[in-house]
Amino acid sequence: MKIAIHHRPGSFSDRWIEYCDQEKISYKIVNCYENDIIEQVADCDVLMWHHHHGHFKDVLAARKILFALEHAGIKVFPDFHTGWHFDDKVAQKYLLEAIGAPMVPSYVFYDQKEALSWARSTQYPKVFKLKGGAGSANVKLVNSRKQAEKLIRKAFGKGFPQFDRWGNIKKRYRRYRNGQDSLVGIGKGLARLVISTQFSKSQPRERGYVYFQDFIPDNDYDTRVVVVGNHAAAEKRMVRKGDFRASGSGIFCFEDINRKAIKIAFEISEKAGFQSMAFDFIEDASANPLIVEMSYGFGTKGISKAPGYWDSDLQWHEENFNLQEWILKLKKHK
């Protein structure tokens, strides 16, 4: 078996390459942006590409190339089942509802009048989200009908930029106050008030739909469960001070993980045919886990420090593990 790896420093590919070197696995580095990428992988059995939602070229090309190769019988990561809904919370809503997964009640509208009618009759607070973005980007707590109506009119009017400049500086300031960022970070945030990101400048504004979720109170953390094959690792991500969001807080805990969330994550992964998936859960008043969103790609800064993992029989293994190696071994053995 020969593996093709699209290498992006700082991505999963770092560990994939390291593991292939250690285990003497045949591989080659390819550039998926080049015109002859199909020819480049012709002598390979597998293509591995940890594409990123914040890289414009990845957004343009990755799924097209991966799914085309899948049609040709080449194994890919992420494959169609794992990747078609990546960085699209609306797509995830439809998928999770279709397979009967426990999720936070969610609402999407493609008509302004219908959305405004719903806003007049629903209960608040609600959580507003754009379909894309990670680390709590593009997520707002909506406390009133007036706020909801303003967001709805904007969604069906000029729309929302891909990069929230004021939200970015507020996030950096919170991190600075919590000792997680420096004055340099604040300076970068101020610069972004004037100069937007290249990704935001390349992408169209989000408009023509609006998406809300119910706000589930009394959650001081969310639980992220990453499932790869018959392995699952988990972490709690604590809500930062003065906020309602846990994603992107950078504050992790590995104690008292809700085993119901582990079980659900395994069941959904098997049912949907995911190769790898990070599920973010919060809990209702009865401690029942509800999926907020999911992503095939995920940060490893926190979860790689977990003291162990679960197998699919929910047996605990207190030992070191490597999530990227799990993914590579899954492709190697299939």
C-alpha atoms as a PDB file:
ATOM      1  CA  MET A   1       0.000   0.000   0.000  1.00  0.00           C
ATOM      2  CA  LYS A   2       1.246   3.474  -0.920  1.00  0.00           C
ATOM      3  CA  ILE A   3      -0.129   6.616   0.692  1.00  0.00           C
ATOM      4  CA  ALA A   4      -0.232  10.120  -0.793  1.00  0.00           C
ATOM      5  CA  ILE A   5      -0.130  12.931   1.780  1.00  0.00           C
ATOM      6  CA  HIS A   6      -0.879  16.575   1.123  1.00  0.00           C
ATOM      7  CA  HIS A   7       1.447  18.263   3.590  1.00  0.00           C
ATOM      8  CA  ARG A   8       0.497  21.453   5.421  1.00  0.00           C
ATOM      9  CA  PRO A   9       2.860  22.232   8.312  1.00  0.00           C
ATOM     10  CA  GLY A  10       0.930  22.381  11.568  1.00  0.00           C
ATOM     11  CA  SER A  11      -1.793  20.014  10.354  1.00  0.00           C
ATOM     12  CA  PHE A  12      -2.388  16.287  10.858  1.00  0.00           C
ATOM     13  CA  SER A  13       0.118  15.647   8.073  1.00  0.00           C
ATOM     14  CA  ASP A  14       3.059  16.340  10.428  1.00  0.00           C
ATOM     15  CA  ARG A  15       2.267  13.235  12.462  1.00  0.00           C
ATOM     16  CA  TRP A  16       1.240  11.179   9.426  1.00  0.00           C
ATOM     17  CA  ILE A  17       4.641  11.712   7.844  1.00  0.00           C
ATOM     18  CA  GLU A  18       6.439  11.015  11.113  1.00  0.00           C
ATOM     19  CA  TYR A  19       4.493   7.783  11.607  1.00  0.00           C
ATOM     20  CA  CYS A  20       5.101   6.583   8.032  1.00  0.00           C
ATOM     21  CA  ASP A  21       8.834   7.185   8.471  1.00  0.00           C
ATOM     22  CA  GLN A  22       8.870   5.298  11.775  1.00  0.00           C
ATOM     23  CA  GLU A  23       6.876   2.326  10.475  1.00  0.00           C
ATOM     24  CA  LYS A  24       8.543   2.225   7.030  1.00  0.00           C
ATOM     25  CA  ILE A  25       5.201   2.794   5.292  1.00  0.00           C
ATOM     26  CA  SER A  26       5.478   3.733   1.625  1.00  0.00           C
ATOM     27  CA  TYR A  27       4.252   7.284   1.029  1.00  0.00           C
ATOM     28  CA  LYS A  28       4.794  10.342  -1.132  1.00  0.00           C
ATOM     29  CA  ILE A  29       4.179  14.054  -0.556  1.00  0.00           C
ATOM     30  CA  VAL A  30       1.824  15.571  -3.124  1.00  0.00           C
ATOM     31  CA  ASN A  31       0.554  19.063  -3.813  1.00  0.00           C
ATOM     32  CA  CYS A  32      -3.206  18.931  -4.214  1.00  0.00           C
ATOM     33  CA  TYR A  33      -3.287  22.463  -5.626  1.00  0.00           C
ATOM     34  CA  GLU A  34      -1.375  21.464  -8.753  1.00  0.00           C
ATOM     35  CA  ASN A  35      -3.216  20.831 -11.992  1.00  0.00           C
ATOM     36  CA  ASP A  36      -1.913  17.277 -12.348  1.00  0.00           C
ATOM     37  CA  ILE A  37      -2.903  16.101  -8.862  1.00  0.00           C
ATOM     38  CA  ILE A  38      -4.939  13.209 -10.285  1.00  0.00           C
ATOM     39  CA  GLU A  39      -1.843  12.013 -12.140  1.00  0.00           C
ATOM     40  CA  GLN A  40       0.296  12.532  -9.023  1.00  0.00           C
ATOM     41  CA  VAL A  41      -1.759  10.059  -7.006  1.00  0.00           C
ATOM     42  CA  ALA A  42      -2.263   7.516  -9.801  1.00  0.00           C
ATOM     43  CA  ASP A  43       0.303   5.152  -8.269  1.00  0.00           C
ATOM     44  CA  CYS A  44      -1.168   5.498  -4.739  1.00  0.00           C
ATOM     45  CA  ASP A  45      -3.898   3.610  -2.922  1.00  0.00           C
ATOM     46  CA  VAL A  46      -4.791   6.381  -0.444  1.00  0.00           C
ATOM     47  CA  LEU A  47      -4.830  10.205  -0.359  1.00  0.00           C
ATOM     48  CA  MET A  48      -4.722  11.915   3.040  1.00  0.00           C
ATOM     49  CA  TRP A  49      -5.552  15.641   3.165  1.00  0.00           C
ATOM     50  CA  HIS A  50      -6.306  17.519   6.380  1.00  0.00           C
ATOM     51  CA  HIS A  51      -7.983  20.431   4.640  1.00  0.00           C
ATOM     52  CA  HIS A  52      -8.881  23.509   6.668  1.00  0.00           C
ATOM     53  CA  HIS A  53     -12.041  25.617   6.671  1.00  0.00           C
ATOM     54  CA  GLY A  54     -10.004  28.815   7.001  1.00  0.00           C
ATOM     55  CA  HIS A  55      -7.798  28.250   3.935  1.00  0.00           C
ATOM     56  CA  PHE A  56      -9.526  29.565   0.836  1.00  0.00           C
ATOM     57  CA  LYS A  57      -7.757  27.220  -1.592  1.00  0.00           C
ATOM     58  CA  ASP A  58      -8.762  24.261   0.573  1.00  0.00           C
ATOM     59  CA  VAL A  59     -12.391  25.413   0.549  1.00  0.00           C
ATOM     60  CA  LEU A  60     -12.301  25.746  -3.236  1.00  0.00           C
ATOM     61  CA  ALA A  61     -10.595  22.480  -4.099  1.00  0.00           C
ATOM     62  CA  ALA A  62     -10.463  19.868  -1.339  1.00  0.00           C
ATOM     63  CA  ARG A  63     -13.855  18.197  -1.473  1.00  0.00           C
ATOM     64  CA  LYS A  64     -13.931  18.246  -5.291  1.00  0.00           C
ATOM     65  CA  ILE A  65     -10.609  16.419  -5.529  1.00  0.00           C
ATOM     66  CA  LEU A  66     -11.215  13.989  -2.670  1.00  0.00           C
ATOM     67  CA  PHE A  67     -14.665  12.930  -3.844  1.00  0.00           C
ATOM     68  CA  ALA A  68     -13.518  12.639  -7.476  1.00  0.00           C
ATOM     69  CA  LEU A  69     -10.765  10.245  -6.413  1.00  0.00           C
ATOM     70  CA  GLU A  70     -13.242   8.319  -4.283  1.00  0.00           C
ATOM     71  CA  HIS A  71     -15.293   7.744  -7.437  1.00  0.00           C
ATOM     72  CA  ALA A  72     -12.157   6.264  -9.017  1.00  0.00           C
ATOM     73  CA  GLY A  73     -11.754   3.746  -6.197  1.00  0.00           C
ATOM     74  CA  ILE A  74      -8.927   5.478  -4.349  1.00  0.00           C
ATOM     75  CA  LYS A  75      -9.367   5.588  -0.578  1.00  0.00           C
ATOM     76  CA  VAL A  76      -9.322   9.138   0.765  1.00  0.00           C
ATOM     77  CA  PHE A  77      -9.359  10.955   4.063  1.00  0.00           C
ATOM     78  CA  PRO A  78     -11.735  12.539   4.710  1.00  0.00           C
ATOM     79  CA  ASP A  79     -14.136  10.556   2.561  1.00  0.00           C
ATOM     80  CA  PHE A  80     -17.581  11.703   1.457  1.00  0.00           C
ATOM     81  CA  HIS A  81     -19.507  10.511   4.513  1.00  0.00           C
ATOM     82  CA  THR A  82     -16.980  12.165   6.809  1.00  0.00           C
ATOM     83  CA  GLY A  83     -16.413  15.422   4.972  1.00  0.00           C
ATOM     84  CA  TRP A  84     -19.411  16.609   2.962  1.00  0.00           C
ATOM     85  CA  HIS A  85     -20.902  18.518   5.939  1.00  0.00           C
ATOM     86  CA  PHE A  86     -17.573  19.911   7.216  1.00  0.00           C
ATOM     87  CA  ASP A  87     -17.819  23.503   8.499  1.00  0.00           C
ATOM     88  CA  ASP A  88     -21.516  23.670   7.625  1.00  0.00           C
ATOM     89  CA  LYS A  89     -23.722  23.721  10.710  1.00  0.00           C
ATOM     90  CA  VAL A  90     -26.889  23.793   8.624  1.00  0.00           C
ATOM     91  CA  ALA A  91     -25.865  20.628   6.770  1.00  0.00           C
ATOM     92  CA  GLN A  92     -25.072  19.020  10.125  1.00  0.00           C
ATOM     93  CA  LYS A  93     -28.552  19.916  11.411  1.00  0.00           C
ATOM     94  CA  TYR A  94     -30.167  18.041   8.535  1.00  0.00           C
ATOM     95  CA  LEU A  95     -27.849  15.030   8.911  1.00  0.00           C
ATOM     96  CA  LEU A  96     -28.260  14.714  12.677  1.00  0.00           C
ATOM     97  CA  GLU A  97     -32.035  15.053  12.410  1.00  0.00           C
ATOM     98  CA  ALA A  98     -32.149  12.477   9.604  1.00  0.00           C
ATOM     99  CA  ILE A  99     -30.318   9.826  11.638  1.00  0.00           C
ATOM    100  CA  GLY A 100     -32.149  10.595  14.884  1.00  0.00           C
ATOM    101  CA  ALA A 101     -29.167  11.916  16.822  1.00  0.00           C
ATOM    102  CA  PRO A 102     -29.771  13.793  20.094  1.00  0.00           C
ATOM    103  CA  MET A 103     -29.011  17.404  19.258  1.00  0.00           C
ATOM    104  CA  VAL A 104     -29.731  20.913  20.435  1.00  0.00           C
ATOM    105  CA  PRO A 105     -33.019  21.998  18.758  1.00  0.00           C
ATOM    106  CA  SER A 106     -32.061  24.054  15.717  1.00  0.00           C
ATOM    107  CA  TYR A 107     -33.927  26.288  13.272  1.00  0.00           C
ATOM    108  CA  VAL A 108     -33.016  27.375   9.754  1.00  0.00           C
ATOM    109  CA  PHE A 109     -35.000  29.699   7.511  1.00  0.00           C
ATOM    110  CA  TYR A 110     -34.572  30.663   3.861  1.00  0.00           C
ATOM    111  CA  ASP A 111     -37.388  33.200   3.833  1.00  0.00           C
ATOM    112  CA  GLN A 112     -37.309  36.466   5.771  1.00  0.00           C
ATOM    113  CA  LYS A 113     -41.051  36.576   6.487  1.00  0.00           C
ATOM    114  CA  GLU A 114     -41.035  33.062   7.919  1.00  0.00           C
ATOM    115  CA  ALA A 115     -38.001  33.863  10.047  1.00  0.00           C
ATOM    116  CA  LEU A 116     -39.571  37.052  11.420  1.00  0.00           C
ATOM    117  CA  SER A 117     -42.807  35.216  12.187  1.00  0.00           C
ATOM    118  CA  TRP A 118     -40.840  32.581  14.122  1.00  0.00           C
ATOM    119  CA  ALA A 119     -38.911  35.302  15.978  1.00  0.00           C
ATOM    120  CA  ARG A 120     -42.192  36.822  17.192  1.00  0.00           C
ATOM    121  CA  SER A 121     -43.428  33.528  18.654  1.00  0.00           C
ATOM    122  CA  THR A 122     -40.313  31.807  20.014  1.00  0.00           C
ATOM    123  CA  GLN A 123     -38.808  31.992  23.498  1.00  0.00           C
ATOM    124  CA  TYR A 124     -35.469  33.653  24.265  1.00  0.00           C
ATOM    125  CA  PRO A 125     -32.553  33.510  24.604  1.00  0.00           C
ATOM    126  CA  LYS A 126     -31.489  31.808  21.385  1.00  0.00           C
ATOM    127  CA  VAL A 127     -28.039  31.279  19.883  1.00  0.00           C
ATOM    128  CA  PHE A 128     -27.406  32.747  16.429  1.00  0.00           C
ATOM    129  CA  LYS A 129     -24.790  31.117  14.200  1.00  0.00           C
ATOM    130  CA  LEU A 130     -23.467  31.381  10.701  1.00  0.00           C
ATOM    131  CA  LYS A 131     -23.086  27.987   9.073  1.00  0.00           C
ATOM    132  CA  GLY A 132     -19.271  28.225   9.012  1.00  0.00           C
ATOM    133  CA  GLY A 133     -16.569  29.143  11.493  1.00  0.00           C
ATOM    134  CA  ALA A 134     -14.832  27.446  14.418  1.00  0.00           C
ATOM    135  CA  GLY A 135     -13.632  28.374  17.880  1.00  0.00           C
ATOM    136  CA  SER A 136     -16.937  30.173  18.635  1.00  0.00           C
ATOM    137  CA  ALA A 137     -16.494  32.527  15.682  1.00  0.00           C
ATOM    138  CA  ASN A 138     -19.782  33.803  14.207  1.00  0.00           C
ATOM    139  CA  VAL A 139     -21.753  32.782  17.314  1.00  0.00           C
ATOM    140  CA  LYS A 140     -23.914  35.260  19.251  1.00  0.00           C
ATOM    141  CA  LEU A 141     -26.328  35.023  22.180  1.00  0.00           C
ATOM    142  CA  VAL A 142     -29.683  36.574  21.241  1.00  0.00           C
ATOM    143  CA  ASN A 143     -31.660  37.743  24.287  1.00  0.00           C
ATOM    144  CA  SER A 144     -34.671  39.361  22.683  1.00  0.00           C
ATOM    145  CA  ARG A 145     -37.015  39.445  19.720  1.00  0.00           C
ATOM    146  CA  LYS A 146     -35.565  42.826  18.741  1.00  0.00           C
ATOM    147  CA  GLN A 147     -32.050  41.370  18.494  1.00  0.00           C
ATOM    148  CA  ALA A 148     -33.317  38.408  16.508  1.00  0.00           C
ATOM    149  CA  GLU A 149     -35.201  40.575  14.048  1.00  0.00           C
ATOM    150  CA  LYS A 150     -32.124  42.745  13.497  1.00  0.00           C
ATOM    151  CA  LEU A 151     -30.018  39.681  12.688  1.00  0.00           C
ATOM    152  CA  ILE A 152     -32.719  38.258  10.418  1.00  0.00           C
ATOM    153  CA  ARG A 153     -33.004  41.467   8.406  1.00  0.00           C
ATOM    154  CA  LYS A 154     -29.242  41.624   8.040  1.00  0.00           C
ATOM    155  CA  ALA A 155     -29.133  37.959   6.969  1.00  0.00           C
ATOM    156  CA  PHE A 156     -31.590  38.685   4.159  1.00  0.00           C
ATOM    157  CA  GLY A 157     -30.081  42.091   3.398  1.00  0.00           C
ATOM    158  CA  LYS A 158     -26.387  42.916   3.183  1.00  0.00           C
ATOM    159  CA  GLY A 159     -25.415  39.699   4.950  1.00  0.00           C
ATOM    160  CA  PHE A 160     -22.468  38.937   7.217  1.00  0.00           C
ATOM    161  CA  PRO A 161     -18.758  39.018   6.397  1.00  0.00           C
ATOM    162  CA  GLN A 162     -16.808  35.806   6.880  1.00  0.00           C
ATOM    163  CA  PHE A 163     -14.615  37.521   9.483  1.00  0.00           C
ATOM    164  CA  ASP A 164     -16.140  39.347  12.467  1.00  0.00           C
ATOM    165  CA  ARG A 165     -13.603  42.130  13.150  1.00  0.00           C
ATOM    166  CA  TRP A 166     -15.186  43.405  16.366  1.00  0.00           C
ATOM    167  CA  GLY A 167     -15.850  39.901  17.572  1.00  0.00           C
ATOM    168  CA  ASN A 168     -12.175  39.092  16.999  1.00  0.00           C
ATOM    169  CA  ILE A 169     -10.896  41.999  19.079  1.00  0.00           C
ATOM    170  CA  LYS A 170     -13.382  41.200  21.869  1.00  0.00           C
ATOM    171  CA  LYS A 171     -12.188  37.582  21.882  1.00  0.00           C
ATOM    172  CA  ARG A 172      -8.548  38.652  22.047  1.00  0.00           C
ATOM    173  CA  TYR A 173      -9.308  41.055  24.897  1.00  0.00           C
ATOM    174  CA  ARG A 174     -11.068  38.309  26.874  1.00  0.00           C
ATOM    175  CA  ARG A 175      -8.100  36.027  26.334  1.00  0.00           C
ATOM    176  CA  TYR A 176      -5.739  38.797  27.433  1.00  0.00           C
ATOM    177  CA  ARG A 177      -7.712  39.346  30.649  1.00  0.00           C
ATOM    178  CA  ASN A 178      -7.607  35.605  31.345  1.00  0.00           C
ATOM    179  CA  GLY A 179      -3.857  35.477  30.769  1.00  0.00           C
ATOM    180  CA  GLN A 180      -4.181  33.542  27.494  1.00  0.00           C
ATOM    181  CA  ASP A 181      -3.004  36.270  25.140  1.00  0.00           C
ATOM    182  CA  SER A 182      -0.500  39.119  25.119  1.00  0.00           C
ATOM    183  CA  LEU A 183      -0.543  42.773  24.164  1.00  0.00           C
ATOM    184  CA  VAL A 184       0.839  41.653  20.814  1.00  0.00           C
ATOM    185  CA  GLY A 185      -2.382  39.697  20.307  1.00  0.00           C
ATOM    186  CA  ILE A 186      -4.429  42.768  21.148  1.00  0.00           C
ATOM    187  CA  GLY A 187      -2.378  44.701  18.605  1.00  0.00           C
ATOM    188  CA  LYS A 188      -3.074  42.127  15.934  1.00  0.00           C
ATOM    189  CA  GLY A 189      -6.774  42.344  16.724  1.00  0.00           C
ATOM    190  CA  LEU A 190      -6.697  46.109  16.347  1.00  0.00           C
ATOM    191  CA  ALA A 191      -4.929  45.747  13.010  1.00  0.00           C
ATOM    192  CA  ARG A 192      -7.693  43.418  11.841  1.00  0.00           C
ATOM    193  CA  LEU A 193     -10.210  46.211  12.394  1.00  0.00           C
ATOM    194  CA  VAL A 194      -8.628  47.849   9.359  1.00  0.00           C
ATOM    195  CA  ILE A 195      -7.221  44.921   7.377  1.00  0.00           C
ATOM    196  CA  SER A 196      -9.503  41.904   7.040  1.00  0.00           C
ATOM    197  CA  THR A 197      -8.250  38.357   6.535  1.00  0.00           C
ATOM    198  CA  GLN A 198      -7.438  37.108   3.043  1.00  0.00           C
ATOM    199  CA  PHE A 199     -10.042  34.367   3.503  1.00  0.00           C
ATOM    200  CA  SER A 200     -12.777  36.884   4.308  1.00  0.00           C
ATOM    201  CA  LYS A 201     -11.846  39.025   1.321  1.00  0.00           C
ATOM    202  CA  SER A 202     -11.985  35.996  -0.971  1.00  0.00           C
ATOM    203  CA  GLN A 203     -15.300  34.602   0.267  1.00  0.00           C
ATOM    204  CA  PRO A 204     -18.759  36.082  -0.414  1.00  0.00           C
ATOM    205  CA  ARG A 205     -20.824  37.406   2.483  1.00  0.00           C
ATOM    206  CA  GLU A 206     -23.159  34.986   4.243  1.00  0.00           C
ATOM    207  CA  ARG A 207     -26.728  35.844   3.263  1.00  0.00           C
ATOM    208  CA  GLY A 208     -30.009  34.304   2.206  1.00  0.00           C
ATOM    209  CA  TYR A 209     -30.526  32.121   5.280  1.00  0.00           C
ATOM    210  CA  VAL A 210     -30.595  32.458   9.056  1.00  0.00           C
ATOM    211  CA  TYR A 211     -29.765  29.806  11.656  1.00  0.00           C
ATOM    212  CA  PHE A 212     -30.546  29.646  15.374  1.00  0.00           C
ATOM    213  CA  GLN A 213     -30.252  27.067  18.140  1.00  0.00           C
ATOM    214  CA  ASP A 214     -31.968  26.865  21.497  1.00  0.00           C
ATOM    215  CA  PHE A 215     -29.875  28.167  24.377  1.00  0.00           C
ATOM    216  CA  ILE A 216     -29.418  25.404  26.949  1.00  0.00           C
ATOM    217  CA  PRO A 217     -28.673  27.102  30.313  1.00  0.00           C
ATOM    218  CA  ASP A 218     -26.387  26.097  33.178  1.00  0.00           C
ATOM    219  CA  ASN A 219     -23.595  24.615  31.068  1.00  0.00           C
ATOM    220  CA  ASP A 220     -20.206  25.620  32.446  1.00  0.00           C
ATOM    221  CA  TYR A 221     -18.442  23.512  29.837  1.00  0.00           C
ATOM    222  CA  ASP A 222     -19.007  21.479  26.733  1.00  0.00           C
ATOM    223  CA  THR A 223     -17.701  17.956  26.180  1.00  0.00           C
ATOM    224  CA  ARG A 224     -15.747  17.198  23.037  1.00  0.00           C
ATOM    225  CA  VAL A 225     -15.591  13.525  22.066  1.00  0.00           C
ATOM    226  CA  VAL A 226     -13.351  12.503  19.173  1.00  0.00           C
ATOM    227  CA  VAL A 227     -14.105   9.112  17.637  1.00  0.00           C
ATOM    228  CA  VAL A 228     -11.717   7.397  15.216  1.00  0.00           C
ATOM    229  CA  GLY A 229     -12.711   3.839  14.411  1.00  0.00           C
ATOM    230  CA  ASN A 230     -12.914   1.881  17.667  1.00  0.00           C
ATOM    231  CA  HIS A 231     -11.252   4.588  19.756  1.00  0.00           C
ATOM    232  CA  ALA A 232     -12.644   7.669  21.487  1.00  0.00           C
ATOM    233  CA  ALA A 233     -10.918  10.432  23.429  1.00  0.00           C
ATOM    234  CA  ALA A 234     -12.709  13.188  25.317  1.00  0.00           C
ATOM    235  CA  GLU A 235     -12.194  16.499  27.059  1.00  0.00           C
ATOM    236  CA  LYS A 236     -14.246  19.148  28.774  1.00  0.00           C
ATOM    237  CA  ARG A 237     -13.792  22.662  27.417  1.00  0.00           C
ATOM    238  CA  MET A 238     -14.625  25.144  30.129  1.00  0.00           C
ATOM    239  CA  VAL A 239     -16.677  28.278  29.457  1.00  0.00           C
ATOM    240  CA  ARG A 240     -14.526  31.377  29.731  1.00  0.00           C
ATOM    241  CA  LYS A 241     -15.336  34.021  32.312  1.00  0.00           C
ATOM    242  CA  GLY A 242     -18.050  36.434  31.223  1.00  0.00           C
ATOM    243  CA  ASP A 243     -19.092  34.323  28.218  1.00  0.00           C
ATOM    244  CA  PHE A 244     -21.494  31.485  27.362  1.00  0.00           C
ATOM    245  CA  ARG A 245     -19.197  29.728  24.874  1.00  0.00           C
ATOM    246  CA  ALA A 246     -16.693  26.973  25.577  1.00  0.00           C
ATOM    247  CA  SER A 247     -15.263  26.500  22.089  1.00  0.00           C
ATOM    248  CA  GLY A 248     -12.004  28.366  21.712  1.00  0.00           C
ATOM    249  CA  SER A 249     -11.601  29.024  25.436  1.00  0.00           C
ATOM    250  CA  GLY A 250      -8.357  27.047  25.669  1.00  0.00           C
ATOM    251  CA  ILE A 251      -9.347  25.793  29.176  1.00  0.00           C
ATOM    252  CA  PHE A 252      -9.483  21.990  29.341  1.00  0.00           C
ATOM    253  CA  CYS A 253     -10.463  19.388  31.920  1.00  0.00           C
ATOM    254  CA  PHE A 254     -10.392  15.580  31.657  1.00  0.00           C
ATOM    255  CA  GLU A 255     -12.303  14.542  34.784  1.00  0.00           C
ATOM    256  CA  ASP A 256     -15.891  13.270  35.143  1.00  0.00           C
ATOM    257  CA  ILE A 257     -16.562  12.825  31.427  1.00  0.00           C
ATOM    258  CA  ASN A 258     -20.204  11.944  30.771  1.00  0.00           C
ATOM    259  CA  ARG A 259     -20.071   8.347  29.483  1.00  0.00           C
ATOM    260  CA  LYS A 260     -23.428   8.862  27.771  1.00  0.00           C
ATOM    261  CA  ALA A 261     -21.652  11.258  25.395  1.00  0.00           C
ATOM    262  CA  ILE A 262     -19.001   8.631  24.606  1.00  0.00           C
ATOM    263  CA  LYS A 263     -21.682   6.051  23.830  1.00  0.00           C
ATOM    264  CA  ILE A 264     -23.649   8.446  21.610  1.00  0.00           C
ATOM    265  CA  ALA A 265     -20.523   9.489  19.713  1.00  0.00           C
ATOM    266  CA  PHE A 266     -19.661   5.863  18.927  1.00  0.00           C
ATOM    267  CA  GLU A 267     -23.238   5.110  17.844  1.00  0.00           C
ATOM    268  CA  ILE A 268     -23.507   8.133  15.550  1.00  0.00           C
ATOM    269  CA  SER A 269     -20.072   7.519  14.011  1.00  0.00           C
ATOM    270  CA  GLU A 270     -21.000   3.941  13.157  1.00  0.00           C
ATOM    271  CA  LYS A 271     -24.454   4.848  11.887  1.00  0.00           C
ATOM    272  CA  ALA A 272     -23.201   7.670   9.658  1.00  0.00           C
ATOM    273  CA  GLY A 273     -20.019   5.912   8.510  1.00  0.00           C
ATOM    274  CA  PHE A 274     -17.577   8.532   9.786  1.00  0.00           C
ATOM    275  CA  GLN A 275     -13.847   7.870   9.618  1.00  0.00           C
ATOM    276  CA  SER A 276     -13.114  10.482  12.257  1.00  0.00           C
ATOM    277  CA  MET A 277     -15.400  12.946  14.016  1.00  0.00           C
ATOM    278  CA  ALA A 278     -15.217  15.426  16.867  1.00  0.00           C
ATOM    279  CA  PHE A 279     -18.614  15.867  18.514  1.00  0.00           C
ATOM    280  CA  ASP A 280     -19.320  18.825  20.793  1.00  0.00           C
ATOM    281  CA  PHE A 281     -21.936  18.125  23.460  1.00  0.00           C
ATOM    282  CA  ILE A 282     -23.722  20.194  26.065  1.00  0.00           C
ATOM    283  CA  GLU A 283     -26.197  18.769  28.587  1.00  0.00           C
ATOM    284  CA  ASP A 284     -29.855  19.395  29.304  1.00  0.00           C
ATOM    285  CA  ALA A 285     -31.315  19.699  32.814  1.00  0.00           C
ATOM    286  CA  SER A 286     -31.279  15.895  33.177  1.00  0.00           C
ATOM    287  CA  ALA A 287     -27.598  15.611  32.140  1.00  0.00           C
ATOM    288  CA  ASN A 288     -28.534  14.147  28.758  1.00  0.00           C
ATOM    289  CA  PRO A 289     -25.876  15.003  26.157  1.00  0.00           C
ATOM    290  CA  LEU A 290     -27.010  17.008  23.134  1.00  0.00           C
ATOM    291  CA  ILE A 291     -24.822  17.531  20.069  1.00  0.00           C
ATOM    292  CA  VAL A 292     -24.150  21.170  19.264  1.00  0.00           C
ATOM    293  CA  GLU A 293     -22.023  20.563  16.174  1.00  0.00           C
ATOM    294  CA  MET A 294     -19.335  18.263  14.802  1.00  0.00           C
ATOM    295  CA  SER A 295     -16.204  18.350  12.658  1.00  0.00           C
ATOM    296  CA  TYR A 296     -13.905  15.787  11.051  1.00  0.00           C
ATOM    297  CA  GLY A 297     -10.972  18.125  11.740  1.00  0.00           C
ATOM    298  CA  PHE A 298     -10.206  19.307  15.248  1.00  0.00           C
ATOM    299  CA  GLY A 299      -7.592  20.952  17.399  1.00  0.00           C
ATOM    300  CA  THR A 300      -5.340  18.570  19.322  1.00  0.00           C
ATOM    301  CA  LYS A 301      -3.786  21.012  21.792  1.00  0.00           C
ATOM    302  CA  GLY A 302      -6.123  20.011  24.605  1.00  0.00           C
ATOM    303  CA  ILE A 303      -7.357  16.532  23.804  1.00  0.00           C
ATOM    304  CA  SER A 304      -3.890  15.114  23.155  1.00  0.00           C
ATOM    305  CA  LYS A 305      -3.223  15.657  26.883  1.00  0.00           C
ATOM    306  CA  ALA A 306      -6.053  13.333  27.933  1.00  0.00           C
ATOM    307  CA  PRO A 307      -4.766  10.519  30.180  1.00  0.00           C
ATOM    308  CA  GLY A 308      -6.337   7.770  28.083  1.00  0.00           C
ATOM    309  CA  TYR A 309      -9.155   6.704  25.784  1.00  0.00           C
ATOM    310  CA  TRP A 310     -12.221   4.452  25.493  1.00  0.00           C
ATOM    311  CA  ASP A 311     -12.741   1.557  23.103  1.00  0.00           C
ATOM    312  CA  SER A 312     -16.085   0.864  21.420  1.00  0.00           C
ATOM    313  CA  ASP A 313     -17.101  -1.382  24.344  1.00  0.00           C
ATOM    314  CA  LEU A 314     -16.690   1.704  26.577  1.00  0.00           C
ATOM    315  CA  GLN A 315     -13.677   0.171  28.289  1.00  0.00           C
ATOM    316  CA  TRP A 316     -11.144   2.716  29.546  1.00  0.00           C
ATOM    317  CA  HIS A 317      -7.452   2.487  28.564  1.00  0.00           C
ATOM    318  CA  GLU A 318      -5.164   4.716  30.584  1.00  0.00           C
ATOM    319  CA  GLU A 319      -2.285   5.158  28.174  1.00  0.00           C
ATOM    320  CA  ASN A 320      -0.829   7.633  25.730  1.00  0.00           C
ATOM    321  CA  PHE A 321      -2.365   7.851  22.278  1.00  0.00           C
ATOM    322  CA  ASN A 322      -1.992   9.716  19.009  1.00  0.00           C
ATOM    323  CA  LEU A 323      -5.163  10.742  17.208  1.00  0.00           C
ATOM    324  CA  GLN A 324      -3.451  11.321  13.862  1.00  0.00           C
ATOM    325  CA  GLU A 325      -1.929   7.851  13.999  1.00  0.00           C
ATOM    326  CA  TRP A 326      -5.370   6.385  14.709  1.00  0.00           C
ATOM    327  CA  ILE A 327      -6.601   7.987  11.476  1.00  0.00           C
ATOM    328  CA  LEU A 328      -3.655   6.704   9.453  1.00  0.00           C
ATOM    329  CA  LYS A 329      -3.967   3.174  10.864  1.00  0.00           C
ATOM    330  CA  LEU A 330      -7.674   3.214  10.007  1.00  0.00           C
ATOM    331  CA  LYS A 331      -6.879   3.966   6.363  1.00  0.00           C
ATOM    332  CA  LYS A 332      -4.010   1.463   6.296  1.00  0.00           C
ATOM    333  CA  HIS A 333      -6.168  -1.446   7.456  1.00  0.00           C
ATOM    334  CA  LYS A 334      -9.279  -0.763   5.396  1.00  0.00           C
END
